[in-house]
Amino acid sequence: MLTTDLNFKYMGKDALFKWPIKYLFKYLGGIAVDRKNRNNLTGRIANYIKSQDEIALALATEGTRSKNGYWKSGFYRWEERRV
């Protein structure tokens, strides 16, 4: 296994964090995200990023299987709180 001094964390859809694999995902730094409930996740992540001396952030673009007619706004709210 690759070893590093980085404290690696990643977010994933909460449906992925089910028994028995959830224990492996959490051990590897996984954070389950419940997208159905509004819980200020964007604000909490922005505050976490601000609190770090160094951070490397990688974002995977969001996809959809159907046309929905609007843009998701989470990326914009992150940027608003960054300033």
C-alpha atoms as a PDB file:
ATOM      1  CA  MET A   1       0.000   0.000   0.000  1.00  0.00           C
ATOM      2  CA  LEU A   2       1.166   3.521  -0.768  1.00  0.00           C
ATOM      3  CA  THR A   3       2.263   5.403   2.336  1.00  0.00           C
ATOM      4  CA  THR A   4       2.437   9.137   2.750  1.00  0.00           C
ATOM      5  CA  ASP A   5       2.475  11.774   5.484  1.00  0.00           C
ATOM      6  CA  LEU A   6      -0.685  13.353   4.081  1.00  0.00           C
ATOM      7  CA  ASN A   7      -3.871  13.172   6.124  1.00  0.00           C
ATOM      8  CA  PHE A   8      -6.025  12.079   3.199  1.00  0.00           C
ATOM      9  CA  LYS A   9      -9.802  12.559   3.362  1.00  0.00           C
ATOM     10  CA  TYR A  10     -12.478  12.147   0.728  1.00  0.00           C
ATOM     11  CA  MET A  11     -16.236  12.520   0.548  1.00  0.00           C
ATOM     12  CA  GLY A  12     -18.569   9.950  -0.927  1.00  0.00           C
ATOM     13  CA  LYS A  13     -22.274   9.368  -1.294  1.00  0.00           C
ATOM     14  CA  ASP A  14     -23.639   7.913   1.948  1.00  0.00           C
ATOM     15  CA  ALA A  15     -25.134   4.977   0.028  1.00  0.00           C
ATOM     16  CA  LEU A  16     -21.571   3.695  -0.489  1.00  0.00           C
ATOM     17  CA  PHE A  17     -20.916   3.546   3.258  1.00  0.00           C
ATOM     18  CA  LYS A  18     -22.909   0.414   4.041  1.00  0.00           C
ATOM     19  CA  TRP A  19     -21.870  -2.677   5.944  1.00  0.00           C
ATOM     20  CA  PRO A  20     -19.361  -4.294   5.572  1.00  0.00           C
ATOM     21  CA  ILE A  21     -17.397  -1.981   3.248  1.00  0.00           C
ATOM     22  CA  LYS A  22     -18.129   1.184   5.273  1.00  0.00           C
ATOM     23  CA  TYR A  23     -15.412   0.281   7.788  1.00  0.00           C
ATOM     24  CA  LEU A  24     -12.781   0.147   5.054  1.00  0.00           C
ATOM     25  CA  PHE A  25     -13.954   3.427   3.520  1.00  0.00           C
ATOM     26  CA  LYS A  26     -13.836   5.189   6.900  1.00  0.00           C
ATOM     27  CA  TYR A  27     -10.424   3.713   7.699  1.00  0.00           C
ATOM     28  CA  LEU A  28      -9.157   5.106   4.388  1.00  0.00           C
ATOM     29  CA  GLY A  29     -10.408   8.611   5.253  1.00  0.00           C
ATOM     30  CA  GLY A  30     -13.917   8.455   3.825  1.00  0.00           C
ATOM     31  CA  ILE A  31     -16.613  10.881   4.916  1.00  0.00           C
ATOM     32  CA  ALA A  32     -20.183   9.832   4.089  1.00  0.00           C
ATOM     33  CA  VAL A  33     -22.293  12.649   2.636  1.00  0.00           C
ATOM     34  CA  ASP A  34     -26.077  12.618   3.002  1.00  0.00           C
ATOM     35  CA  ARG A  35     -27.210  14.720   0.046  1.00  0.00           C
ATOM     36  CA  LYS A  36     -30.922  14.462   0.911  1.00  0.00           C
ATOM     37  CA  ASN A  37     -30.677  16.576   4.088  1.00  0.00           C
ATOM     38  CA  ARG A  38     -29.510  20.174   4.215  1.00  0.00           C
ATOM     39  CA  ASN A  39     -26.802  20.239   6.856  1.00  0.00           C
ATOM     40  CA  ASN A  40     -24.531  23.145   5.845  1.00  0.00           C
ATOM     41  CA  LEU A  41     -21.934  20.762   4.422  1.00  0.00           C
ATOM     42  CA  THR A  42     -20.572  23.428   2.089  1.00  0.00           C
ATOM     43  CA  GLY A  43     -20.004  25.820   4.986  1.00  0.00           C
ATOM     44  CA  ARG A  44     -18.425  23.168   7.186  1.00  0.00           C
ATOM     45  CA  ILE A  45     -16.035  22.099   4.414  1.00  0.00           C
ATOM     46  CA  ALA A  46     -15.129  25.747   3.705  1.00  0.00           C
ATOM     47  CA  ASN A  47     -14.352  26.306   7.402  1.00  0.00           C
ATOM     48  CA  TYR A  48     -12.248  23.131   7.512  1.00  0.00           C
ATOM     49  CA  ILE A  49     -10.241  24.256   4.487  1.00  0.00           C
ATOM     50  CA  LYS A  50      -9.658  27.703   6.055  1.00  0.00           C
ATOM     51  CA  SER A  51      -8.413  26.096   9.273  1.00  0.00           C
ATOM     52  CA  GLN A  52      -5.635  24.125   7.552  1.00  0.00           C
ATOM     53  CA  ASP A  53      -2.085  25.406   7.059  1.00  0.00           C
ATOM     54  CA  GLU A  54      -1.784  23.357   3.878  1.00  0.00           C
ATOM     55  CA  ILE A  55      -4.364  21.488   1.885  1.00  0.00           C
ATOM     56  CA  ALA A  56      -4.596  19.789  -1.478  1.00  0.00           C
ATOM     57  CA  LEU A  57      -8.112  19.745  -2.845  1.00  0.00           C
ATOM     58  CA  ALA A  58      -9.303  17.601  -5.733  1.00  0.00           C
ATOM     59  CA  LEU A  59     -12.852  17.839  -7.007  1.00  0.00           C
ATOM     60  CA  ALA A  60     -14.625  15.428  -9.291  1.00  0.00           C
ATOM     61  CA  THR A  61     -17.193  17.039 -11.536  1.00  0.00           C
ATOM     62  CA  GLU A  62     -20.781  16.150 -10.886  1.00  0.00           C
ATOM     63  CA  GLY A  63     -22.674  14.273 -13.539  1.00  0.00           C
ATOM     64  CA  THR A  64     -26.290  13.580 -14.235  1.00  0.00           C
ATOM     65  CA  ARG A  65     -28.164  11.198 -16.448  1.00  0.00           C
ATOM     66  CA  SER A  66     -30.833  13.677 -17.452  1.00  0.00           C
ATOM     67  CA  LYS A  67     -31.159  17.354 -18.348  1.00  0.00           C
ATOM     68  CA  ASN A  68     -32.302  19.322 -15.325  1.00  0.00           C
ATOM     69  CA  GLY A  69     -32.230  22.922 -16.612  1.00  0.00           C
ATOM     70  CA  TYR A  70     -30.120  24.452 -13.823  1.00  0.00           C
ATOM     71  CA  TRP A  71     -26.584  24.482 -12.412  1.00  0.00           C
ATOM     72  CA  LYS A  72     -25.791  23.040  -9.021  1.00  0.00           C
ATOM     73  CA  SER A  73     -24.552  25.874  -6.803  1.00  0.00           C
ATOM     74  CA  GLY A  74     -22.334  24.170  -4.195  1.00  0.00           C
ATOM     75  CA  PHE A  75     -19.123  25.115  -6.001  1.00  0.00           C
ATOM     76  CA  TYR A  76     -20.218  28.773  -5.983  1.00  0.00           C
ATOM     77  CA  ARG A  77     -21.032  28.730  -2.263  1.00  0.00           C
ATOM     78  CA  TRP A  78     -17.565  27.292  -1.541  1.00  0.00           C
ATOM     79  CA  GLU A  79     -15.966  30.144  -3.441  1.00  0.00           C
ATOM     80  CA  GLU A  80     -18.134  32.743  -1.661  1.00  0.00           C
ATOM     81  CA  ARG A  81     -16.991  31.482   1.738  1.00  0.00           C
ATOM     82  CA  ARG A  82     -13.341  31.212   0.695  1.00  0.00           C
ATOM     83  CA  VAL A  83     -12.834  34.969   0.511  1.00  0.00           C
END
